[in-house]
Amino acid sequence: MAALLLFAWVHGSAQVAWKDSIDFTDGTLRPGELILREGSFLKQLQPRDSVLIADQLEYGFELKGVPDSASLAYPEVAQPYMENMVTVRPWVVDTLRVQKVRSTGAKLYDIRAGIVVAPFEPGSYELPPLFVQRISKDGTVDTLRFNTQKLEVTTIQIDTTTFVPHDLKGQIRYPLTLMEVLPWVFLFFIGVLLLTGAICLILMSKKRAEGPEFEEPAHITALRKLDKFRGDKFWEPEQQKVFYSGVTDALREYISKRYGIGAMEMTTAEIFSEMKGTDVPSDLYEEMKDLFERADFVKFAKFTVPKEDNATVLPQAVRFVTATYQVEVEEEAEEAASEGEKPSEETPRHLENDEDYMPK
């Protein structure tokens, strides 16, 4: 008696069981009839000019025009399939084509079914015939028997007279191609752009959270920088260049912001030529001009200034800043009074007396 039957349905949801057994040995088929068919195929999964041991082959058949009212049932495949041959894959059924009959609206299916086997010994094989049962809508069962296939299996012949054993080869490393590298380069640049965008967003959010930057008034900046040069330690001959450079640089920066003169890039003569039309008192103007000219001698002619003259440098610079700033405050107060606004009564914290910068 045949092995247990495994049902593979073309369509439909109801499962139809075998009502009578089929005896494949004595030739009696109940019910229905045995229909002999040609059309089985034997195909290598990896085609080449010969079949070697362990090659996998698909053994199956095709049916055309199977109505949608019929069902197909396939016998279970034994394991091993036959002597020296194993079953690699059981029945797999594919629908190749669906055709609709216009007159009745029924559908006809072209079916391909097969198993996969693999021989493990060389020799000649005659594969068993394939069977499938077709169950009609009225319950009639027909058994289809497909012709057998013959198979020649060979093995690789080794020439023992000239054969030389070799060790296993290492893994072959193929050179990279441009198409393999391009995706990674593209991903790298995308990552860089995303990272740059994230950093910019973080910096912008921090800047918005901190609010606008506070710009320190020019006179406060100048007085703070001049305060660093208190004391007579800068009056030593080897320190005088640093002393005069620091004081004049602080004054240049103050003049640039207070009067809009590009003093940082100008010579002494150019600075005081531009300052002639400003509100600087004449005595302060002459003091500053003398201080800047003395600083030029120290910086460029290696001139050494006596201590008595050095003692007047810082007080003069502080007096210049505070006096010109006071003029600016008075101008702002007058402008506010003319517009009907109350002037600020707050005294600037950094408006210090120039006597504080005299050596004790």
Protein backbone atom coordinates (compact mmCIF):
# COMPACT_ATOMS: atom_id res chain seq x y z
CA MET A 1 0.00 0.00 0.00
CA ALA A 2 1.22 3.51 -0.72
CA ALA A 3 2.49 5.81 1.99
CA LEU A 4 0.16 8.20 3.84
CA LEU A 5 -1.18 10.90 1.59
CA LEU A 6 -0.34 14.61 1.97
CA PHE A 7 -2.94 16.93 0.44
CA ALA A 8 -1.87 20.03 -1.50
CA TRP A 9 -4.77 22.20 -2.61
CA VAL A 10 -4.94 24.27 -5.75
CA HIS A 11 -7.68 26.42 -4.22
CA GLY A 12 -10.72 26.22 -1.97
CA SER A 13 -11.00 26.06 1.81
CA ALA A 14 -12.63 22.65 2.34
CA GLN A 15 -10.32 19.61 2.69
CA VAL A 16 -11.37 16.50 0.77
CA ALA A 17 -10.28 13.15 2.29
CA TRP A 18 -9.65 9.91 0.41
CA LYS A 19 -12.84 7.80 0.50
CA ASP A 20 -11.24 4.57 -0.70
CA SER A 21 -7.72 3.24 -0.63
CA ILE A 22 -5.64 3.02 -3.78
CA ASP A 23 -3.58 -0.14 -4.36
CA PHE A 24 -0.60 0.79 -6.53
CA THR A 25 0.72 -2.81 -6.69
CA ASP A 26 -2.12 -4.89 -8.14
CA GLY A 27 -3.29 -2.23 -10.61
CA THR A 28 -6.82 -1.88 -9.16
CA LEU A 29 -7.86 1.71 -8.63
CA ARG A 30 -11.00 2.58 -6.70
CA PRO A 31 -12.78 4.84 -7.45
CA GLY A 32 -12.00 6.49 -10.75
CA GLU A 33 -9.43 5.31 -13.23
CA LEU A 34 -5.70 5.32 -13.82
CA ILE A 35 -4.63 7.84 -16.40
CA LEU A 36 -1.15 7.41 -17.83
CA ARG A 37 0.55 10.63 -18.84
CA GLU A 38 3.79 11.75 -20.31
CA GLY A 39 5.37 15.03 -19.28
CA SER A 40 7.42 14.42 -16.15
CA PHE A 41 10.73 16.28 -16.02
CA LEU A 42 14.06 15.89 -14.23
CA LYS A 43 16.03 19.11 -13.95
CA GLN A 44 19.29 20.03 -12.22
CA LEU A 45 19.06 23.00 -9.90
CA GLN A 46 22.63 23.89 -10.92
CA PRO A 47 22.74 22.88 -14.60
CA ARG A 48 25.96 21.47 -16.06
CA ASP A 49 26.97 18.82 -18.58
CA SER A 50 26.82 15.89 -16.13
CA VAL A 51 25.20 14.90 -12.84
CA LEU A 52 27.64 14.41 -9.95
CA ILE A 53 27.00 12.92 -6.55
CA ALA A 54 25.19 15.27 -4.14
CA ASP A 55 23.77 17.30 -7.03
CA GLN A 56 20.20 18.42 -6.36
CA LEU A 57 17.57 17.66 -9.00
CA GLU A 58 13.93 18.67 -9.26
CA TYR A 59 11.66 15.77 -10.23
CA GLY A 60 8.12 16.78 -11.13
CA PHE A 61 5.42 17.44 -13.73
CA GLU A 62 3.16 20.14 -15.15
CA LEU A 63 -0.63 20.12 -15.57
CA LYS A 64 -2.51 22.56 -17.78
CA GLY A 65 -6.13 23.61 -17.64
CA VAL A 66 -6.99 22.31 -14.15
CA PRO A 67 -10.50 23.70 -13.39
CA ASP A 68 -11.02 25.64 -10.19
CA SER A 69 -13.72 23.14 -9.16
CA ALA A 70 -11.14 20.33 -8.88
CA SER A 71 -8.52 19.68 -6.23
CA LEU A 72 -5.17 17.88 -6.40
CA ALA A 73 -3.69 15.58 -3.76
CA TYR A 74 -0.08 14.39 -3.69
CA PRO A 75 1.35 11.29 -1.97
CA GLU A 76 3.78 11.86 0.87
CA VAL A 77 7.42 11.53 -0.18
CA ALA A 78 9.47 8.91 1.67
CA GLN A 79 12.85 9.63 3.27
CA PRO A 80 15.14 8.35 1.81
CA TYR A 81 13.47 8.62 -1.54
CA MET A 82 15.13 5.41 -2.75
CA GLU A 83 18.38 3.58 -2.14
CA ASN A 84 21.39 5.94 -2.27
CA MET A 85 19.09 8.92 -2.90
CA VAL A 86 17.59 11.28 -0.32
CA THR A 87 14.67 13.71 -0.40
CA VAL A 88 15.92 17.27 -0.07
CA ARG A 89 12.57 19.02 -0.45
CA PRO A 90 9.01 17.63 -0.42
CA TRP A 91 6.24 18.63 -2.80
CA VAL A 92 6.13 22.27 -3.84
CA VAL A 93 3.25 23.39 -6.06
CA ASP A 94 3.37 26.57 -8.14
CA THR A 95 0.64 28.18 -10.22
CA LEU A 96 2.13 29.08 -13.59
CA ARG A 97 -0.89 30.68 -15.22
CA VAL A 98 -4.54 31.47 -14.50
CA GLN A 99 -7.01 31.63 -17.41
CA LYS A 100 -10.63 32.70 -17.09
CA VAL A 101 -13.35 31.09 -19.20
CA ARG A 102 -15.61 33.87 -20.46
CA SER A 103 -18.66 31.74 -21.04
CA THR A 104 -18.85 30.19 -17.55
CA GLY A 105 -16.68 32.51 -15.51
CA ALA A 106 -14.67 29.53 -14.28
CA LYS A 107 -10.90 29.65 -13.94
CA LEU A 108 -8.34 27.22 -15.36
CA TYR A 109 -4.94 26.80 -13.73
CA ASP A 110 -1.60 25.68 -15.14
CA ILE A 111 0.16 23.82 -12.32
CA ARG A 112 3.81 22.89 -11.77
CA ALA A 113 4.62 20.47 -8.94
CA GLY A 114 7.83 18.73 -7.97
CA ILE A 115 10.17 17.40 -5.31
CA VAL A 116 13.95 17.78 -4.96
CA VAL A 117 16.19 14.73 -4.59
CA ALA A 118 19.96 14.20 -4.39
CA PRO A 119 21.95 11.00 -5.18
CA PHE A 120 24.97 10.10 -3.04
CA GLU A 121 26.38 7.18 -5.01
CA PRO A 122 27.40 7.03 -8.69
CA GLY A 123 25.46 4.73 -11.00
CA SER A 124 22.29 4.39 -13.10
CA TYR A 125 18.96 5.19 -11.47
CA GLU A 126 15.34 4.74 -12.63
CA LEU A 127 13.22 7.06 -10.55
CA PRO A 128 9.80 5.80 -9.38
CA PRO A 129 6.78 7.11 -11.30
CA LEU A 130 4.97 10.18 -9.97
CA PHE A 131 1.31 9.95 -8.93
CA VAL A 132 -1.27 12.64 -8.24
CA GLN A 133 -5.01 12.37 -7.58
CA ARG A 134 -7.47 14.77 -9.17
CA ILE A 135 -10.70 15.18 -7.18
CA SER A 136 -13.57 16.57 -9.23
CA LYS A 137 -16.44 18.66 -7.90
CA ASP A 138 -18.78 15.65 -7.86
CA GLY A 139 -16.30 13.62 -5.80
CA THR A 140 -14.87 11.54 -8.63
CA VAL A 141 -11.22 10.74 -8.05
CA ASP A 142 -8.87 10.15 -10.98
CA THR A 143 -5.30 9.04 -10.47
CA LEU A 144 -2.68 10.50 -12.82
CA ARG A 145 0.51 8.51 -13.30
CA PHE A 146 3.49 10.20 -14.95
CA ASN A 147 6.28 8.43 -16.78
CA THR A 148 9.53 7.61 -14.99
CA GLN A 149 12.91 9.24 -15.59
CA LYS A 150 16.34 7.64 -15.85
CA LEU A 151 19.39 9.20 -14.28
CA GLU A 152 23.13 8.66 -14.72
CA VAL A 153 25.23 9.83 -11.79
CA THR A 154 29.01 10.11 -12.09
CA THR A 155 31.79 11.20 -9.83
CA ILE A 156 34.97 13.16 -10.39
CA GLN A 157 37.71 10.90 -11.68
CA ILE A 158 41.08 11.44 -10.06
CA ASP A 159 44.22 10.78 -12.07
CA THR A 160 46.30 8.94 -9.47
CA THR A 161 49.39 8.91 -11.70
CA THR A 162 49.79 12.69 -11.95
CA PHE A 163 47.72 13.79 -8.96
CA VAL A 164 49.50 16.20 -6.59
CA PRO A 165 47.70 17.11 -3.37
CA HIS A 166 47.50 20.81 -2.53
CA ASP A 167 46.70 22.60 0.66
CA LEU A 168 43.48 24.59 1.04
CA LYS A 169 43.58 27.97 -0.62
CA GLY A 170 43.08 31.06 1.47
CA GLN A 171 40.12 33.36 1.07
CA ILE A 172 40.29 35.37 -2.15
CA ARG A 173 40.20 39.13 -1.56
CA TYR A 174 38.90 41.10 -4.50
CA PRO A 175 39.84 44.80 -4.87
CA LEU A 176 37.24 47.37 -3.93
CA THR A 177 35.33 48.98 -6.77
CA LEU A 178 34.03 52.51 -7.04
CA MET A 179 30.41 51.38 -6.82
CA GLU A 180 31.16 49.61 -3.53
CA VAL A 181 32.84 52.68 -2.01
CA LEU A 182 30.38 55.35 -3.20
CA PRO A 183 27.51 54.39 -0.82
CA TRP A 184 29.84 54.63 2.19
CA VAL A 185 31.20 58.00 1.03
CA PHE A 186 27.65 59.24 0.56
CA LEU A 187 26.66 58.04 4.06
CA PHE A 188 29.77 59.73 5.53
CA PHE A 189 28.90 63.11 4.03
CA ILE A 190 25.27 62.76 5.09
CA GLY A 191 26.47 62.03 8.64
CA VAL A 192 28.79 65.06 8.61
CA LEU A 193 25.95 67.30 7.40
CA LEU A 194 23.58 65.99 10.05
CA LEU A 195 26.20 66.43 12.78
CA THR A 196 27.00 69.97 11.61
CA GLY A 197 23.31 70.87 11.52
CA ALA A 198 22.78 69.49 15.03
CA ILE A 199 25.74 71.49 16.40
CA CYS A 200 24.47 74.67 14.73
CA LEU A 201 20.99 74.16 16.19
CA ILE A 202 22.44 73.60 19.68
CA LEU A 203 24.59 76.73 19.46
CA MET A 204 21.68 78.81 18.16
CA SER A 205 19.39 77.59 20.94
CA LYS A 206 22.03 78.41 23.56
CA LYS A 207 22.53 81.86 22.07
CA ARG A 208 18.80 82.54 22.13
CA ALA A 209 18.59 81.32 25.73
CA GLU A 210 21.47 83.54 26.83
CA GLY A 211 19.96 86.62 25.16
CA PRO A 212 21.86 89.43 23.47
CA GLU A 213 25.46 89.89 24.49
CA PHE A 214 26.17 92.85 26.79
CA GLU A 215 28.64 95.30 25.27
CA GLU A 216 30.75 96.95 27.94
CA PRO A 217 30.98 100.78 27.68
CA ALA A 218 34.21 102.04 26.14
CA HIS A 219 35.32 104.07 29.19
CA ILE A 220 34.87 101.09 31.55
CA THR A 221 36.93 98.86 29.24
CA ALA A 222 39.68 101.49 29.06
CA LEU A 223 39.82 102.06 32.83
CA ARG A 224 39.89 98.30 33.49
CA LYS A 225 42.82 97.81 31.12
CA LEU A 226 44.70 100.82 32.53
CA ASP A 227 44.20 99.48 36.04
CA LYS A 228 46.51 96.55 35.15
CA PHE A 229 49.50 98.92 34.92
CA ARG A 230 49.34 100.34 38.43
CA GLY A 231 52.59 100.48 40.40
CA ASP A 232 56.18 101.31 39.58
CA LYS A 233 57.22 97.77 38.64
CA PHE A 234 56.54 98.66 34.98
CA TRP A 235 58.91 101.64 35.12
CA GLU A 236 62.06 99.54 34.99
CA PRO A 237 63.97 100.07 31.72
CA GLU A 238 63.28 96.50 30.50
CA GLN A 239 59.55 96.90 31.27
CA GLN A 240 58.93 100.34 29.83
CA LYS A 241 58.11 99.09 26.32
CA VAL A 242 55.38 96.82 27.70
CA PHE A 243 54.12 99.65 29.96
CA TYR A 244 53.81 102.30 27.23
CA SER A 245 52.45 99.84 24.65
CA GLY A 246 49.71 98.67 27.04
CA VAL A 247 48.66 102.19 28.06
CA THR A 248 48.58 103.58 24.51
CA ASP A 249 46.76 100.50 23.15
CA ALA A 250 44.02 100.96 25.78
CA LEU A 251 43.74 104.64 24.82
CA ARG A 252 43.70 103.81 21.07
CA GLU A 253 40.80 101.40 21.60
CA TYR A 254 38.91 104.01 23.67
CA ILE A 255 39.47 106.74 21.07
CA SER A 256 38.23 104.38 18.31
CA LYS A 257 34.96 103.65 20.14
CA ARG A 258 34.44 107.17 21.60
CA TYR A 259 35.17 109.23 18.49
CA GLY A 260 34.84 106.71 15.65
CA ILE A 261 38.47 107.14 14.61
CA GLY A 262 40.43 104.13 13.32
CA ALA A 263 43.16 104.73 15.88
CA MET A 264 44.27 101.08 16.05
CA GLU A 265 45.72 101.29 12.51
CA MET A 266 46.90 104.95 12.59
CA THR A 267 50.17 106.58 13.51
CA THR A 268 50.37 109.12 16.34
CA ALA A 269 50.35 112.03 13.91
CA GLU A 270 47.28 110.67 12.08
CA ILE A 271 45.37 110.09 15.34
CA PHE A 272 45.84 113.60 16.70
CA SER A 273 45.22 115.13 13.30
CA GLU A 274 41.76 113.48 13.35
CA MET A 275 41.14 114.49 16.98
CA LYS A 276 41.57 118.23 16.33
CA GLY A 277 37.90 118.61 15.50
CA THR A 278 36.60 116.72 18.58
CA ASP A 279 35.44 117.96 21.99
CA VAL A 280 38.73 117.05 23.72
CA PRO A 281 39.95 120.00 25.87
CA SER A 282 43.18 121.55 24.58
CA ASP A 283 45.18 120.74 27.72
CA LEU A 284 44.19 117.06 27.56
CA TYR A 285 44.90 117.05 23.84
CA GLU A 286 48.46 118.25 24.39
CA GLU A 287 49.02 115.82 27.29
CA MET A 288 47.87 112.86 25.21
CA LYS A 289 49.92 113.93 22.21
CA ASP A 290 53.01 114.23 24.40
CA LEU A 291 52.29 110.82 25.98
CA PHE A 292 51.88 109.09 22.59
CA GLU A 293 55.06 110.68 21.19
CA ARG A 294 57.02 109.59 24.28
CA ALA A 295 55.62 106.07 23.86
CA ASP A 296 56.81 106.01 20.23
CA PHE A 297 60.36 106.86 21.38
CA VAL A 298 60.25 104.05 23.95
CA LYS A 299 58.83 101.47 21.52
CA PHE A 300 60.82 102.28 18.42
CA ALA A 301 63.95 104.19 19.55
CA LYS A 302 64.66 102.26 22.79
CA PHE A 303 64.42 105.51 24.75
CA THR A 304 64.44 105.21 28.56
CA VAL A 305 62.05 107.57 30.37
CA PRO A 306 62.90 108.90 33.86
CA LYS A 307 60.76 107.74 36.76
CA GLU A 308 59.34 111.22 37.27
CA ASP A 309 57.85 111.19 33.77
CA ASN A 310 56.63 107.60 34.12
CA ALA A 311 54.71 108.55 37.24
CA THR A 312 52.52 110.93 35.24
CA VAL A 313 51.57 108.52 32.44
CA LEU A 314 48.79 106.55 34.10
CA PRO A 315 47.09 109.54 35.82
CA GLN A 316 47.10 111.43 32.52
CA ALA A 317 45.53 108.50 30.69
CA VAL A 318 42.84 108.06 33.38
CA ARG A 319 42.12 111.79 33.40
CA PHE A 320 41.70 111.77 29.62
CA VAL A 321 39.20 108.89 29.75
CA THR A 322 37.15 110.23 32.63
CA ALA A 323 37.07 113.80 31.34
CA THR A 324 35.96 112.86 27.83
CA TYR A 325 33.41 110.41 29.22
CA GLN A 326 32.02 113.12 31.48
CA VAL A 327 31.54 115.33 28.44
CA GLU A 328 29.57 112.52 26.80
CA VAL A 329 27.40 112.14 29.93
CA GLU A 330 26.65 115.87 29.99
CA GLU A 331 25.73 115.81 26.29
CA GLU A 332 23.35 112.89 26.87
CA ALA A 333 21.80 114.72 29.85
CA GLU A 334 21.22 117.84 27.79
CA GLU A 335 19.70 115.79 24.97
CA ALA A 336 17.40 114.00 27.43
CA ALA A 337 16.35 117.32 29.01
CA SER A 338 15.52 118.78 25.59
CA GLU A 339 13.29 115.75 24.89
CA GLY A 340 11.57 116.06 28.28
CA GLU A 341 13.14 112.91 29.79
CA LYS A 342 14.56 112.72 33.30
CA PRO A 343 18.36 112.32 33.19
CA SER A 344 19.92 109.41 34.99
CA GLU A 345 21.24 110.27 38.46
CA GLU A 346 23.38 107.14 38.73
CA THR A 347 27.08 107.85 39.12
CA PRO A 348 29.29 105.56 36.96
CA ARG A 349 31.01 103.02 39.19
CA HIS A 350 34.27 103.03 37.21
CA LEU A 351 34.59 106.81 37.01
CA GLU A 352 37.51 106.92 39.43
CA ASN A 353 39.78 109.80 40.48
CA ASP A 354 43.03 109.92 38.58
CA GLU A 355 44.87 110.52 41.87
CA ASP A 356 44.25 106.87 42.75
CA TYR A 357 46.70 105.94 39.97
CA MET A 358 49.57 107.96 41.49
CA PRO A 359 52.28 105.85 43.18
CA LYS A 360 51.98 105.74 46.97
